[in-house]
Every structure is written in structure tokens, then in C-alpha cells.
Amino acid sequence: MAVVAPFRGVRYNPEKIERLEDVVTPPYDVISTDDEKKLLQKNPYSMINLDLRNISQGTTEDDGRYEQARARFQSWQDENVLIRDEQPAIYLYYIDYNHPGGKRLTRKGIVSLVGLAEFAEGIVKPHEKTFAGVIRDRVQLMETCKAQFSQIFSIYADQEQEIISNLEKVREAEPILQIDDQNANTHTLWRVTDKEALEFVHRFFIDKPVYIADGHHRYTTSLDCRRRALAADPNLPVDHPCNYIMMYLCACEDPGLSVLPTHRLVRQPGSMSGDQLQERMQQGMSVTEIKQGSRETLIAEILNRMNEIDTSGGMPAFGVYHPGEDRAFLLRMQDETISDSPSLTDKPEVLQELDVVVLSDLLIQDYLGLSHDQCVKEGLVSYLSDSDVALDEAVKESVLQEAHTPLLFLLNPTKVKQVLKVADSDNIMPHKSTYFYPKIMTGLLLNKLDDEEHIQPLGTEA
């Protein structure tokens, strides 16, 4: 199924850039306006100057910034600030990181090219919806700069960890780079150019699909760029670079693969008391109020109980905190709730017991009376992965906000096997259903789209 190929990665020249930490960035879609200013101040060669932050979710006007990015990309190559490896390679990319749960873990993956395939082909499988405004912006950037500046994060099945174990044996002795990010996570890259190893990777993926974990918009962008290239030249060679996309691939069985929850801060219009909240939730939830202790203690207790329920294989469980009254509730879905709820029974079975679906379609839409469209148009929902940050935001809004009642809903993380199951069934999860942690850094490797180049899946040079 999937066609995996080595490539000649573009990267920062260590002789020109002494501190990679000052030029690499998080993915463009998590960079705020304030973050952008700080990144620009660090170093004029920051990746934020190439992989531009998306400034328009609706319409995108070309104010010259795409052409400016293209000119920078070319001049940085001319100055040897960016260099390109001479030989095609597959890159081992490891991240040693601190899990929010307290453990130190290592996530192991590879960076390579993967042949583009329409979603209907079942080779590359999505699980999230994409938005046209974001894609238009990314298409203009990619077509103007003739490059892919960041990697798609995808997962695949490898029960025996064959890919990593084989490549570890033949990787270069020294990594080509190693940096620590702002969260004290260590990112390390090694090159693998061994012909037999590259052939093994190619054969391994021939009968396997890959699943997008993070980067649906970037993947759809590449599909759009390829369609446009084919429209301009119907005889476009199959080995043309626009038929491939740069991916980070991690086995779904990798012990370092982590998915974090994305909690929801809901702004209920008007005034709602804790008693009214409890009454609403009791329509289909078993509700237990958690009492005594500081607000931090209440949140910690709820999260612990939710985790216990999740680990035991019980029905979906949630927490909800009413900061205005400092009251916390544990919500447990009842067995009959699905059959009694048209919002859930109308959905495919694979989605009915997903925590994020139950929260968005039942708790928020049905019990609170807030439709998806209303939430989007009025900005009634914020998404926060850090429960401490989410708690702080909820408390602040309870003090400052009079027109709404802030309610913090806490979730368990979506399981990797649920992601695969939804993708295999050709269904889509709600927005912000997964947060694969940690994020891949942008700027460690770039992929140049050279019209004169020919991509060779087995690593042989054209």
C-alpha cells in the first residue's frame, strides 16, 4: 500500500547556526501572535520566517508574504545557512520527553517521503476534518516556496518494532543533530543510507496503510498541490517530488507513543448554577459531586477517578468543574444512555462511545443546548491540553465574565486503537479529538520540491 522512500533532507548548517534551539519552532498551527514575536526576536533565520503562521482561517489574501518566504528560502541556501544532504536517506528521529504523568519516555520514529494517495484509496487514512481556509494558505506557501517545511505525523502497525530495530543497527554512529526544546524534551536525528535497510523499509510498507496522527491540513495541502500540478501537466511523472510528502512515522505499538486529552472550557451563555448544571447532566449521566479540598485537589481527584474508570474499561467518564461556585462533579455515562439518545444512535457505532463524541454531541449539544454552529460562531469552546492551564483560565473567566458561565469539562485521552478503528471505518472524529505528544519540531528537516529530481523508493540515485 504505502510507498516509502528516502530523500535528501535540507537542514540548518551547524557551522552557520550554533544554537538550533533558536531557529527551530513548534508547528505553525500552535504558534500564537505573541509566540511569533518572540521567535522572530531569537534569530533572523528562525523557521517562522519560512513556515509562516497561518493568519487567516477564512479567506487568504496574498500580501507578498509567500514570495518573501520563497526569497528567504533561496537566499538561506545560497548563504549555506541551509544545506542539503548529498545522498538520499531515511532519518531516525527520537524524542526523549517528560510525560505530564511524570515518566521520562522515548518516542522512536523515522522521517521519510511517503507517496501521496487520495483518502478514498485507503492507503493514507485520516481521522479529522480539515478546513478550507487553512488549506488555501498552505497551498500558496508550498507552491510558491517549492518545499515542504514540516512533517506529517503518522502512525503504522509494527508489533515487533522491525523498522526501528533494523535501522538502529545501520544508522550513522553520530547523530546529525540533537537539541532540547522549551519543555526540556531532547530531539535527536540520525541518517540511515544503508541500501539493504532502505529496501527493507520499502518492502515492509508495501502491504500496510499509514494513519495520520497530526497534520491533516498539511497532507490535504499536498494533495491539492498535486492535483494542480497534474492539471497543468497530465503527463507528470510518477517519480516527480510533488507525488510525495515528508512524514514522521511512528509505530502505534511504540512504548513512547503518547496521546494527551484535550479538555474543553465551555462558556455557557447566561447564568447557570452548580445545581442547574448537575440537573442537566443527570439526563444521562451518573453524577457524583467531589467535595473538600482546594480546586487543584478537586481536579486531581476527578482526573484520578476518570483514569481508574477508563483503565477498567468502563463507560465514558468526564469531570466538570464550576469555577464560579468552586464545585466539581464526576460524570459517568450510564449503560442505557446511548440507546436513549438520538444524537448518538444516529452516529456510526464506532463513534458512539468515543469520549469526545459523547461530550460534544450529548453533554454540550443536548444537555447544555449549545449547537456545534453556535459554539464555533460565538467562540463558546476553548481547547486546552494542560489541566492546570485550563483550570487557571476557567477561574479567571469566572471572575471577569458576566455574560457567560464558564464550565471546565475534563476528558480522558483518546486511545490509539480508537483512532485506528475510526480511520479504518472511514469515519471522522470531532475537532481536537487527539493530541499526540510531544509535537514534532519544525526546521529539523525540510523537503525541497525540485522539478528536475526523481524520487527513487529504493534509494538508488536517478
Protein backbone atom coordinates (compact mmCIF):
# COMPACT_ATOMS: atom_id res chain seq x y z
CA MET A 1 0.00 0.00 0.00
CA ALA A 2 2.20 2.84 1.27
CA VAL A 3 5.23 3.79 -0.83
CA VAL A 4 8.04 4.91 1.48
CA ALA A 5 11.17 6.49 0.00
CA PRO A 6 14.41 8.09 1.24
CA PHE A 7 15.13 11.73 0.41
CA ARG A 8 17.85 14.35 0.54
CA GLY A 9 16.88 16.33 3.59
CA VAL A 10 17.50 20.07 3.84
CA ARG A 11 18.67 21.21 7.29
CA TYR A 12 20.45 24.00 9.11
CA ASN A 13 24.21 24.12 8.70
CA PRO A 14 25.79 23.69 12.17
CA GLU A 15 28.75 25.77 11.01
CA LYS A 16 26.41 28.71 10.43
CA ILE A 17 23.83 28.17 13.19
CA GLU A 18 25.42 27.38 16.53
CA ARG A 19 22.18 27.12 18.50
CA LEU A 20 19.49 25.19 16.65
CA GLU A 21 17.19 25.89 19.61
CA ASP A 22 17.00 29.50 18.40
CA VAL A 23 15.79 28.69 14.89
CA VAL A 24 13.54 25.62 15.06
CA THR A 25 9.92 26.17 16.05
CA PRO A 26 6.76 24.31 17.11
CA PRO A 27 4.27 23.52 14.30
CA TYR A 28 2.81 26.63 12.67
CA ASP A 29 -0.74 25.90 13.89
CA VAL A 30 0.12 26.14 17.60
CA ILE A 31 2.07 29.41 17.36
CA SER A 32 0.25 32.46 18.74
CA THR A 33 0.87 36.08 17.77
CA ASP A 34 2.95 36.60 20.92
CA ASP A 35 4.90 33.40 20.25
CA GLU A 36 5.64 34.60 16.73
CA LYS A 37 7.14 37.87 18.01
CA LYS A 38 9.38 36.01 20.46
CA LEU A 39 10.56 33.57 17.79
CA LEU A 40 11.40 36.39 15.39
CA GLN A 41 13.48 38.09 18.09
CA LYS A 42 15.55 34.97 18.78
CA ASN A 43 17.27 34.69 15.42
CA PRO A 44 16.69 36.19 11.93
CA TYR A 45 17.00 32.66 10.50
CA SER A 46 14.08 31.33 12.53
CA MET A 47 11.81 28.85 10.75
CA ILE A 48 8.88 31.16 11.48
CA ASN A 49 10.17 33.17 8.50
CA LEU A 50 9.61 30.19 6.20
CA ASP A 51 6.82 28.04 7.68
CA LEU A 52 4.60 31.06 8.15
CA ARG A 53 1.98 31.18 10.87
CA ASN A 54 -1.47 30.91 9.30
CA ILE A 55 -3.14 34.31 9.74
CA SER A 56 -6.46 33.58 8.06
CA GLN A 57 -8.94 30.80 8.75
CA GLY A 58 -11.45 32.22 6.25
CA THR A 59 -10.05 33.97 3.21
CA THR A 60 -6.38 34.28 2.46
CA GLU A 61 -5.01 37.34 0.70
CA ASP A 62 -1.52 37.17 -0.73
CA ASP A 63 0.15 40.28 0.69
CA GLY A 64 3.54 39.22 -0.63
CA ARG A 65 4.50 37.15 2.37
CA TYR A 66 4.66 33.92 0.37
CA GLU A 67 7.07 35.41 -2.14
CA GLN A 68 9.13 36.84 0.73
CA ALA A 69 9.34 33.35 2.25
CA ARG A 70 10.46 31.94 -1.12
CA ALA A 71 13.19 34.56 -1.42
CA ARG A 72 14.41 33.85 2.12
CA PHE A 73 14.45 30.10 1.47
CA GLN A 74 16.59 30.60 -1.63
CA SER A 75 18.96 33.11 -0.02
CA TRP A 76 19.49 30.89 3.04
CA GLN A 77 20.53 28.08 0.69
CA ASP A 78 22.80 30.44 -1.24
CA GLU A 79 24.41 31.52 2.05
CA ASN A 80 24.81 27.85 3.14
CA VAL A 81 22.68 28.54 6.20
CA LEU A 82 20.58 25.68 4.89
CA ILE A 83 22.39 22.70 3.39
CA ARG A 84 21.13 19.59 1.62
CA ASP A 85 22.37 16.06 2.18
CA GLU A 86 24.11 14.62 -0.87
CA GLN A 87 22.72 11.11 -0.53
CA PRO A 88 19.07 10.07 -0.08
CA ALA A 89 18.43 8.83 3.45
CA ILE A 90 15.76 7.78 5.89
CA TYR A 91 16.22 9.56 9.20
CA LEU A 92 15.72 8.11 12.66
CA TYR A 93 14.03 10.75 14.82
CA TYR A 94 13.85 10.14 18.57
CA ILE A 95 12.30 12.37 21.22
CA ASP A 96 13.19 11.88 24.89
CA TYR A 97 10.47 13.69 26.81
CA ASN A 98 8.75 14.21 30.13
CA HIS A 99 5.22 12.87 30.08
CA PRO A 100 2.77 15.04 32.08
CA GLY A 101 2.15 11.93 34.18
CA GLY A 102 5.72 12.13 35.48
CA LYS A 103 7.52 9.47 33.42
CA ARG A 104 10.51 10.06 31.15
CA LEU A 105 9.78 8.36 27.82
CA THR A 106 11.37 8.00 24.38
CA ARG A 107 9.30 8.04 21.22
CA LYS A 108 11.06 6.46 18.25
CA GLY A 109 10.17 7.15 14.63
CA ILE A 110 11.53 7.70 11.14
CA VAL A 111 11.37 10.61 8.71
CA SER A 112 10.95 9.69 5.04
CA LEU A 113 8.92 10.50 1.98
CA VAL A 114 5.57 8.75 1.54
CA GLY A 115 3.71 8.54 -1.74
CA LEU A 116 0.59 10.70 -1.79
CA ALA A 117 -2.71 8.87 -2.08
CA GLU A 118 -6.27 10.17 -2.06
CA PHE A 119 -8.10 9.22 1.12
CA ALA A 120 -10.56 7.09 -0.86
CA GLU A 121 -7.70 4.75 -1.78
CA GLY A 122 -7.34 3.61 1.84
CA ILE A 123 -3.56 3.95 1.83
CA VAL A 124 -3.25 7.07 3.95
CA LYS A 125 -6.12 7.28 6.43
CA PRO A 126 -7.40 10.41 8.20
CA HIS A 127 -9.46 10.75 11.37
CA GLU A 128 -10.14 14.50 11.46
CA LYS A 129 -11.92 17.11 9.36
CA THR A 130 -9.97 19.84 7.56
CA PHE A 131 -10.87 23.49 6.95
CA ALA A 132 -10.63 25.18 3.54
CA GLY A 133 -9.16 28.48 4.77
CA VAL A 134 -6.15 26.79 6.31
CA ILE A 135 -5.54 24.69 3.20
CA ARG A 136 -5.64 27.69 0.84
CA ASP A 137 -2.94 29.38 2.90
CA ARG A 138 -0.72 26.29 2.98
CA VAL A 139 -1.16 25.63 -0.77
CA GLN A 140 0.05 29.13 -1.61
CA LEU A 141 3.04 28.73 0.68
CA MET A 142 4.03 25.31 -0.67
CA GLU A 143 3.58 26.20 -4.34
CA THR A 144 5.48 29.48 -4.00
CA CYS A 145 8.40 28.09 -1.99
CA LYS A 146 8.54 24.69 -3.72
CA ALA A 147 9.16 22.99 -0.38
CA GLN A 148 7.57 21.11 2.49
CA PHE A 149 8.76 22.78 5.67
CA SER A 150 7.22 20.44 8.24
CA GLN A 151 6.42 16.77 8.55
CA ILE A 152 3.10 14.98 8.76
CA PHE A 153 2.93 12.84 11.93
CA SER A 154 1.61 9.39 11.01
CA ILE A 155 1.41 6.01 12.70
CA TYR A 156 1.54 2.46 11.40
CA ALA A 157 1.35 -1.09 12.73
CA ASP A 158 4.62 -2.81 13.68
CA GLN A 159 4.04 -5.19 16.55
CA GLU A 160 7.64 -6.44 16.58
CA GLN A 161 9.21 -3.00 16.08
CA GLU A 162 11.02 -4.31 13.00
CA ILE A 163 11.55 -0.92 11.35
CA ILE A 164 13.29 0.71 14.31
CA SER A 165 15.36 -2.35 15.25
CA ASN A 166 16.63 -2.79 11.69
CA LEU A 167 17.50 0.88 11.16
CA GLU A 168 19.17 1.23 14.56
CA LYS A 169 21.73 -1.39 13.53
CA VAL A 170 22.93 0.57 10.49
CA ARG A 171 22.40 4.21 11.44
CA GLU A 172 25.40 6.52 11.34
CA ALA A 173 27.43 6.47 14.53
CA GLU A 174 26.87 10.13 15.33
CA PRO A 175 23.56 11.99 15.10
CA ILE A 176 23.37 14.83 12.60
CA LEU A 177 21.70 16.98 15.25
CA GLN A 178 20.45 16.98 18.82
CA ILE A 179 18.57 19.78 20.53
CA ASP A 180 16.44 20.44 23.61
CA ASP A 181 13.13 22.25 23.17
CA GLN A 182 11.40 24.66 25.56
CA ASN A 183 9.89 21.75 27.50
CA ALA A 184 13.26 20.03 28.12
CA ASN A 185 12.48 17.38 25.51
CA THR A 186 15.51 16.14 23.58
CA HIS A 187 15.17 15.73 19.78
CA THR A 188 17.82 13.59 18.01
CA LEU A 189 18.24 12.73 14.32
CA TRP A 190 20.45 10.05 12.69
CA ARG A 191 20.88 9.31 8.99
CA VAL A 192 20.40 5.85 7.51
CA THR A 193 21.72 5.32 3.97
CA ASP A 194 22.37 1.56 4.04
CA LYS A 195 20.87 0.16 0.81
CA GLU A 196 19.58 -3.08 2.35
CA ALA A 197 17.93 -1.20 5.21
CA LEU A 198 16.20 1.19 2.80
CA GLU A 199 14.97 -1.75 0.74
CA PHE A 200 13.66 -3.42 3.91
CA VAL A 201 11.64 -0.32 4.79
CA HIS A 202 10.22 -0.16 1.27
CA ARG A 203 9.14 -3.83 1.39
CA PHE A 204 7.72 -3.51 4.91
CA PHE A 205 5.22 -0.82 3.95
CA ILE A 206 4.10 -2.33 0.64
CA ASP A 207 1.09 -4.04 2.26
CA LYS A 208 0.45 -1.53 5.05
CA PRO A 209 -1.58 1.68 5.32
CA VAL A 210 -0.46 4.66 7.39
CA TYR A 211 -2.72 6.73 9.64
CA ILE A 212 -2.43 10.49 10.03
CA ALA A 213 -1.99 11.37 13.69
CA ASP A 214 -1.29 15.08 13.30
CA GLY A 215 -1.08 17.18 10.14
CA HIS A 216 -4.34 16.60 8.26
CA HIS A 217 -4.24 20.11 6.79
CA ARG A 218 -0.66 19.71 5.59
CA TYR A 219 -1.47 16.39 3.95
CA THR A 220 -4.58 17.78 2.24
CA THR A 221 -2.46 20.72 1.11
CA SER A 222 -0.07 18.36 -0.66
CA LEU A 223 -2.98 16.56 -2.31
CA ASP A 224 -4.26 19.90 -3.63
CA CYS A 225 -0.81 20.84 -4.91
CA ARG A 226 -0.52 17.52 -6.71
CA ARG A 227 -3.96 17.95 -8.32
CA ARG A 228 -2.94 21.38 -9.56
CA ALA A 229 0.33 20.02 -10.93
CA LEU A 230 -1.50 17.21 -12.75
CA ALA A 231 -3.98 19.70 -14.20
CA ALA A 232 -1.07 21.71 -15.58
CA ASP A 233 0.74 18.60 -16.84
CA PRO A 234 -1.37 15.41 -17.20
CA ASN A 235 1.83 13.50 -18.07
CA LEU A 236 3.53 14.36 -14.79
CA PRO A 237 5.97 11.51 -13.98
CA VAL A 238 5.04 9.26 -11.05
CA ASP A 239 8.52 9.86 -9.58
CA HIS A 240 8.03 13.65 -9.51
CA PRO A 241 8.55 15.13 -6.00
CA CYS A 242 5.01 16.55 -5.87
CA ASN A 243 3.74 12.94 -5.68
CA TYR A 244 5.38 12.55 -2.27
CA ILE A 245 5.12 14.13 1.16
CA MET A 246 7.57 14.25 4.05
CA MET A 247 6.31 12.21 7.02
CA TYR A 248 7.37 11.28 10.52
CA LEU A 249 6.27 7.67 11.03
CA CYS A 250 5.90 6.05 14.45
CA ALA A 251 4.70 2.54 15.21
CA CYS A 252 1.39 2.55 17.08
CA GLU A 253 2.90 -0.07 19.42
CA ASP A 254 5.87 2.15 20.31
CA PRO A 255 6.02 2.40 24.14
CA GLY A 256 6.84 6.09 23.87
CA LEU A 257 3.75 6.99 21.83
CA SER A 258 1.51 9.21 23.98
CA VAL A 259 -1.88 10.78 23.40
CA LEU A 260 -2.95 13.52 25.79
CA PRO A 261 -6.53 14.64 26.41
CA THR A 262 -7.80 17.97 25.16
CA HIS A 263 -10.09 19.46 27.79
CA ARG A 264 -12.91 21.85 26.91
CA LEU A 265 -13.61 25.20 28.54
CA VAL A 266 -17.26 25.86 27.68
CA ARG A 267 -18.80 29.32 28.04
CA GLN A 268 -22.47 28.69 28.84
CA PRO A 269 -24.45 31.81 27.84
CA GLY A 270 -26.15 33.47 30.78
CA SER A 271 -26.11 32.27 34.37
CA MET A 272 -26.08 28.61 35.37
CA SER A 273 -25.71 27.41 38.94
CA GLY A 274 -23.96 24.25 40.06
CA ASP A 275 -27.32 22.70 40.90
CA GLN A 276 -28.67 23.52 37.45
CA LEU A 277 -25.53 22.04 35.87
CA GLN A 278 -25.94 18.87 37.91
CA GLU A 279 -29.60 18.60 36.89
CA ARG A 280 -28.72 18.97 33.20
CA MET A 281 -26.01 16.31 33.37
CA GLN A 282 -28.27 13.84 35.18
CA GLN A 283 -30.31 13.40 32.00
CA GLY A 284 -27.99 10.58 31.02
CA MET A 285 -25.05 10.66 33.43
CA SER A 286 -24.47 9.30 36.89
CA VAL A 287 -23.30 12.43 38.74
CA THR A 288 -21.13 12.40 41.86
CA GLU A 289 -20.03 15.66 43.47
CA ILE A 290 -16.42 15.66 44.64
CA LYS A 291 -16.11 17.72 47.81
CA GLN A 292 -13.46 19.11 50.16
CA GLY A 293 -10.01 20.38 49.29
CA SER A 294 -8.60 23.12 47.09
CA ARG A 295 -9.71 23.50 43.48
CA GLU A 296 -6.43 21.86 42.40
CA THR A 297 -7.17 18.93 44.70
CA LEU A 298 -10.68 18.58 43.30
CA ILE A 299 -9.39 18.49 39.72
CA ALA A 300 -6.67 15.97 40.61
CA GLU A 301 -9.20 13.70 42.34
CA ILE A 302 -11.57 13.81 39.37
CA LEU A 303 -8.78 13.02 36.91
CA ASN A 304 -7.64 10.08 39.05
CA ARG A 305 -11.14 8.64 39.21
CA MET A 306 -11.65 9.15 35.48
CA ASN A 307 -8.40 7.30 34.78
CA GLU A 308 -9.45 4.40 37.03
CA ILE A 309 -12.76 4.08 35.19
CA ASP A 310 -11.01 4.28 31.82
CA THR A 311 -8.40 1.70 32.80
CA SER A 312 -11.08 -0.72 33.99
CA GLY A 313 -12.83 -0.50 30.62
CA GLY A 314 -15.93 1.27 31.92
CA MET A 315 -18.29 3.57 30.04
CA PRO A 316 -17.01 7.08 29.24
CA ALA A 317 -16.38 9.26 32.29
CA PHE A 318 -15.89 13.01 32.49
CA GLY A 319 -15.22 15.69 35.01
CA VAL A 320 -16.86 19.10 35.09
CA TYR A 321 -15.77 22.00 37.28
CA HIS A 322 -17.91 25.06 38.01
CA PRO A 323 -15.33 27.70 38.95
CA GLY A 324 -17.91 30.31 39.92
CA GLU A 325 -19.09 28.10 42.78
CA ASP A 326 -15.93 26.01 43.20
CA ARG A 327 -17.86 22.78 42.69
CA ALA A 328 -16.64 19.68 40.89
CA PHE A 329 -18.57 16.70 39.56
CA LEU A 330 -17.64 13.26 38.23
CA LEU A 331 -19.86 12.18 35.35
CA ARG A 332 -20.25 8.53 34.39
CA MET A 333 -22.17 7.51 31.30
CA GLN A 334 -24.97 5.05 32.01
CA ASP A 335 -25.45 1.86 30.01
CA GLU A 336 -28.80 2.96 28.56
CA THR A 337 -27.67 6.46 27.64
CA ILE A 338 -26.71 5.62 24.05
CA SER A 339 -30.00 3.89 23.22
CA ASP A 340 -31.94 6.78 24.81
CA SER A 341 -30.03 9.49 22.90
CA PRO A 342 -30.88 10.10 19.21
CA SER A 343 -27.76 12.27 18.89
CA LEU A 344 -25.67 9.15 19.49
CA THR A 345 -27.79 6.43 17.90
CA ASP A 346 -27.76 8.40 14.64
CA LYS A 347 -23.98 8.04 14.53
CA PRO A 348 -21.96 5.00 13.39
CA GLU A 349 -21.33 2.54 16.20
CA VAL A 350 -17.58 3.17 16.09
CA LEU A 351 -18.22 6.77 17.22
CA GLN A 352 -20.95 6.24 19.79
CA GLU A 353 -18.76 5.53 22.81
CA LEU A 354 -15.91 7.91 21.99
CA ASP A 355 -15.47 10.34 24.87
CA VAL A 356 -15.09 13.31 22.52
CA VAL A 357 -18.32 12.42 20.68
CA VAL A 358 -20.30 11.93 23.88
CA LEU A 359 -19.00 15.26 25.18
CA SER A 360 -19.65 17.30 22.03
CA ASP A 361 -22.93 15.74 20.90
CA LEU A 362 -24.54 14.81 24.20
CA LEU A 363 -23.19 16.88 27.08
CA ILE A 364 -22.60 20.14 25.21
CA GLN A 365 -25.17 19.98 22.40
CA ASP A 366 -28.08 18.16 24.05
CA TYR A 367 -27.70 18.80 27.78
CA LEU A 368 -26.36 22.36 27.61
CA GLY A 369 -28.30 23.21 24.46
CA LEU A 370 -25.30 24.54 22.52
CA SER A 371 -25.16 23.53 18.86
CA HIS A 372 -21.85 22.99 17.05
CA ASP A 373 -22.50 26.03 14.84
CA GLN A 374 -23.29 28.25 17.82
CA CYS A 375 -20.13 27.14 19.62
CA VAL A 376 -18.00 27.99 16.57
CA LYS A 377 -19.68 31.29 15.66
CA GLU A 378 -19.74 32.64 19.23
CA GLY A 379 -16.42 31.17 20.35
CA LEU A 380 -18.03 29.26 23.20
CA VAL A 381 -15.45 26.47 23.44
CA SER A 382 -11.69 26.64 24.05
CA TYR A 383 -9.42 23.59 23.83
CA LEU A 384 -6.67 23.11 26.43
CA SER A 385 -4.47 20.04 26.91
CA ASP A 386 -2.92 21.11 30.22
CA SER A 387 -5.43 20.71 33.05
CA ASP A 388 -3.60 23.26 35.23
CA VAL A 389 -3.72 25.88 32.48
CA ALA A 390 -7.36 25.00 31.80
CA LEU A 391 -8.21 25.45 35.48
CA ASP A 392 -6.50 28.85 35.61
CA GLU A 393 -8.39 30.01 32.52
CA ALA A 394 -11.71 28.82 33.94
CA VAL A 395 -11.15 30.61 37.25
CA LYS A 396 -10.13 33.86 35.54
CA GLU A 397 -13.19 33.82 33.31
CA SER A 398 -15.49 33.17 36.27
CA VAL A 399 -14.23 36.43 37.81
CA LEU A 400 -14.13 38.57 34.68
CA GLN A 401 -17.03 37.20 32.63
CA GLU A 402 -20.62 38.17 33.39
CA ALA A 403 -22.41 37.25 30.16
CA HIS A 404 -21.36 33.58 30.36
CA THR A 405 -20.86 30.85 32.94
CA PRO A 406 -17.51 29.12 32.34
CA LEU A 407 -17.59 25.34 32.78
CA LEU A 408 -14.45 23.21 32.54
CA PHE A 409 -15.03 19.73 31.10
CA LEU A 410 -12.22 17.22 31.66
CA LEU A 411 -11.64 14.20 29.37
CA ASN A 412 -9.60 11.03 29.29
CA PRO A 413 -7.26 10.78 26.28
CA THR A 414 -8.46 9.09 23.10
CA LYS A 415 -6.81 5.69 22.71
CA VAL A 416 -4.59 4.96 19.70
CA LYS A 417 -6.65 1.86 18.89
CA GLN A 418 -9.75 4.07 18.73
CA VAL A 419 -8.03 6.34 16.22
CA LEU A 420 -7.19 3.34 14.02
CA LYS A 421 -10.69 1.92 14.32
CA VAL A 422 -12.34 5.19 13.32
CA ALA A 423 -9.94 5.69 10.40
CA ASP A 424 -10.43 2.11 9.18
CA SER A 425 -14.20 2.66 9.17
CA ASP A 426 -13.85 5.83 7.05
CA ASN A 427 -15.34 7.97 9.80
CA ILE A 428 -14.22 11.30 11.24
CA MET A 429 -13.73 12.32 14.86
CA PRO A 430 -14.78 15.73 16.24
CA HIS A 431 -12.35 18.66 16.18
CA LYS A 432 -9.46 18.36 18.68
CA SER A 433 -10.05 14.68 19.44
CA THR A 434 -6.38 13.76 19.72
CA TYR A 435 -3.21 15.42 20.94
CA PHE A 436 -0.20 13.26 20.14
CA TYR A 437 2.55 14.45 22.46
CA PRO A 438 5.15 15.82 22.09
CA LYS A 439 4.85 17.80 18.87
CA ILE A 440 7.42 17.41 16.09
CA MET A 441 9.76 20.39 15.81
CA THR A 442 9.64 22.35 12.56
CA GLY A 443 13.03 23.05 11.00
CA LEU A 444 14.92 19.86 11.83
CA LEU A 445 14.41 18.59 8.26
CA LEU A 446 12.90 20.24 5.19
CA ASN A 447 11.95 18.66 1.87
CA LYS A 448 12.79 20.61 -1.28
CA LEU A 449 10.46 20.05 -4.25
CA ASP A 450 12.87 20.13 -7.17
CA ASP A 451 11.12 19.71 -10.52
CA GLU A 452 14.27 18.16 -12.02
CA GLU A 453 14.56 15.47 -9.35
CA HIS A 454 13.28 11.89 -9.49
CA ILE A 455 12.21 10.12 -6.29
CA GLN A 456 13.54 6.55 -6.06
CA PRO A 457 11.72 4.45 -3.41
CA LEU A 458 14.63 2.03 -3.07
CA GLY A 459 17.14 4.79 -2.55
CA THR A 460 19.01 4.39 -5.83
CA GLU A 461 20.01 7.62 -7.48
CA ALA A 462 18.38 8.56 -10.76
